Structures are given as structure tokens and as C-alpha cells.
C-alpha atoms as a PDB file:
ATOM      1  CA  MET A   1      -0.162   0.340  -0.055  1.00  0.00           C
ATOM      2  CA  ASN A   2       1.576   3.749  -0.717  1.00  0.00           C
ATOM      3  CA  THR A   3       2.070   5.683   2.269  1.00  0.00           C
ATOM      4  CA  ASP A   4       1.873   8.715   0.174  1.00  0.00           C
ATOM      5  CA  VAL A   5      -2.116   8.076  -0.832  1.00  0.00           C
ATOM      6  CA  LEU A   6      -4.979   9.244   1.541  1.00  0.00           C
ATOM      7  CA  ALA A   7      -7.637   7.920   0.246  1.00  0.00           C
ATOM      8  CA  TYR A   8      -8.349   5.579  -3.133  1.00  0.00           C
ATOM      9  CA  PRO A   9     -11.642   5.605  -5.312  1.00  0.00           C
ATOM     10  CA  ILE A  10     -13.345   2.239  -4.306  1.00  0.00           C
ATOM     11  CA  ALA A  11     -11.874   0.118  -7.795  1.00  0.00           C
ATOM     12  CA  ASP A  12      -8.736   1.187  -6.064  1.00  0.00           C
ATOM     13  CA  ALA A  13      -9.855  -0.307  -2.038  1.00  0.00           C
ATOM     14  CA  CYS A  14     -10.900  -3.301  -3.872  1.00  0.00           C
ATOM     15  CA  LYS A  15      -7.267  -4.040  -5.369  1.00  0.00           C
ATOM     16  CA  VAL A  16      -5.263  -2.563  -2.675  1.00  0.00           C
ATOM     17  CA  ILE A  17      -7.118  -5.363  -0.032  1.00  0.00           C
ATOM     18  CA  GLY A  18      -8.288  -7.329  -2.430  1.00  0.00           C
ATOM     19  CA  CYS A  19     -12.006  -7.846  -2.178  1.00  0.00           C
ATOM     20  CA  GLY A  20     -14.870  -7.168  -4.600  1.00  0.00           C
ATOM     21  CA  ARG A  21     -16.759  -4.043  -4.976  1.00  0.00           C
ATOM     22  CA  THR A  22     -19.831  -5.950  -3.170  1.00  0.00           C
ATOM     23  CA  THR A  23     -17.574  -7.545  -0.725  1.00  0.00           C
ATOM     24  CA  LEU A  24     -15.844  -3.931   0.072  1.00  0.00           C
ATOM     25  CA  TYR A  25     -19.332  -2.082   0.526  1.00  0.00           C
ATOM     26  CA  GLY A  26     -20.520  -4.571   3.130  1.00  0.00           C
ATOM     27  CA  TYR A  27     -17.471  -4.174   5.038  1.00  0.00           C
ATOM     28  CA  ILE A  28     -18.435  -0.291   4.789  1.00  0.00           C
ATOM     29  CA  SER A  29     -22.124  -1.369   5.732  1.00  0.00           C
ATOM     30  CA  ALA A  30     -21.052  -2.831   8.898  1.00  0.00           C
ATOM     31  CA  GLY A  31     -18.586  -0.305   9.848  1.00  0.00           C
ATOM     32  CA  LYS A  32     -15.444  -1.844   8.952  1.00  0.00           C
ATOM     33  CA  ILE A  33     -14.458   0.692   6.753  1.00  0.00           C
ATOM     34  CA  GLU A  34     -14.715   3.947   6.382  1.00  0.00           C
ATOM     35  CA  ALA A  35     -16.129   6.036   3.245  1.00  0.00           C
ATOM     36  CA  ARG A  36     -16.116   8.823   2.210  1.00  0.00           C
ATOM     37  CA  SER A  37     -17.841  11.397  -0.174  1.00  0.00           C
ATOM     38  CA  LEU A  38     -16.063  13.648  -2.617  1.00  0.00           C
ATOM     39  CA  GLY A  39     -18.859  15.103  -4.795  1.00  0.00           C
ATOM     40  CA  ALA A  40     -20.107  12.182  -6.963  1.00  0.00           C
ATOM     41  CA  ARG A  41     -17.222  10.272  -5.423  1.00  0.00           C
ATOM     42  CA  THR A  42     -16.779   7.881  -2.909  1.00  0.00           C
ATOM     43  CA  ILE A  43     -13.462   7.117  -1.633  1.00  0.00           C
ATOM     44  CA  ILE A  44     -11.919   4.973   1.264  1.00  0.00           C
ATOM     45  CA  PRO A  45      -9.293   6.538   3.124  1.00  0.00           C
ATOM     46  CA  ALA A  46      -6.139   4.734   3.647  1.00  0.00           C
ATOM     47  CA  GLU A  47      -5.939   4.371   7.212  1.00  0.00           C
ATOM     48  CA  SER A  48      -8.830   3.274   7.081  1.00  0.00           C
ATOM     49  CA  LEU A  49      -8.100   0.277   5.534  1.00  0.00           C
ATOM     50  CA  ARG A  50      -4.773   0.252   7.117  1.00  0.00           C
ATOM     51  CA  ARG A  51      -7.012  -0.342  10.313  1.00  0.00           C
ATOM     52  CA  PHE A  52      -9.223  -2.898   8.441  1.00  0.00           C
ATOM     53  CA  VAL A  53      -6.219  -4.671   7.435  1.00  0.00           C
ATOM     54  CA  ALA A  54      -4.754  -4.960  10.845  1.00  0.00           C
ATOM     55  CA  SER A  55      -7.682  -6.096  12.756  1.00  0.00           C
ATOM     56  CA  LEU A  56      -7.878  -9.146  10.477  1.00  0.00           C
ATOM     57  CA  PRO A  57      -6.931 -12.233  12.407  1.00  0.00           C
ATOM     58  CA  PRO A  58      -3.278 -13.944  11.165  1.00  0.00           C
ATOM     59  CA  ALA A  59      -4.119 -16.641   8.602  1.00  0.00           C
ATOM     60  CA  PRO A  60      -3.196 -20.262   9.764  1.00  0.00           C
ATOM     61  CA  ILE A  61      -0.245 -21.647   7.877  1.00  0.00           C
ATOM     62  CA  ARG A  62       0.704 -24.635   7.588  1.00  0.00           C
ATOM     63  CA  VAL A  63       4.294 -25.564   6.858  1.00  0.00           C
ATOM     64  CA  ARG A  64       4.912 -28.550   4.510  1.00  0.00           C
ATOM     65  CA  SER A  65       7.552 -31.156   5.481  1.00  0.00           C
ATOM     66  CA  ALA A  66      10.296 -31.240   3.358  1.00  0.00           C
ATOM     67  CA  SER A  67       9.564 -34.424   1.516  1.00  0.00           C
ATOM     68  CA  SER A  68       5.997 -33.579   1.161  1.00  0.00           C
ATOM     69  CA  ALA A  69       6.869 -30.187  -0.588  1.00  0.00           C
ATOM     70  CA  GLU A  70       8.891 -32.327  -3.710  1.00  0.00           C
ATOM     71  CA  VAL A  71       6.483 -33.283  -6.286  1.00  0.00           C
END
């Protein structure tokens, strides 16, 4: 995520966090991500995306043994 960006349009916010528009609007409706109006456009503050991603639980990562990694 570019730290110089103050806010993202919806399409770019989706790319940044890796979700679709419907999912992003769901997070906005649930109060998990903030949205702002800029004229007719909806923008997402970059800090709101950072807080949202930081609030997500850790992903369960399974480490494969060396013998099972060989195919």
C-alpha cells in the first residue's frame, strides 16, 4: 500500500485489499471500513484500509515438511 496516498476510489481500494466491490460495500455497511463522499465519488481513506487489515485475524499457515514439498 502506497503510504503517500490519502484515499482510494472504490475500485482501487478493492485492488489494495483484494476483494470485490460488493464485499467492500459490505465492510462499509458493517462499519468495518470508513467511506467518504467527494462530490459524486466515494473514496476510502488509506488509514481506514490499514486499520481494517490490521484487525483481521492471522491466517493459519501450515508448513509442509521437506519430503511432502517435493513433487
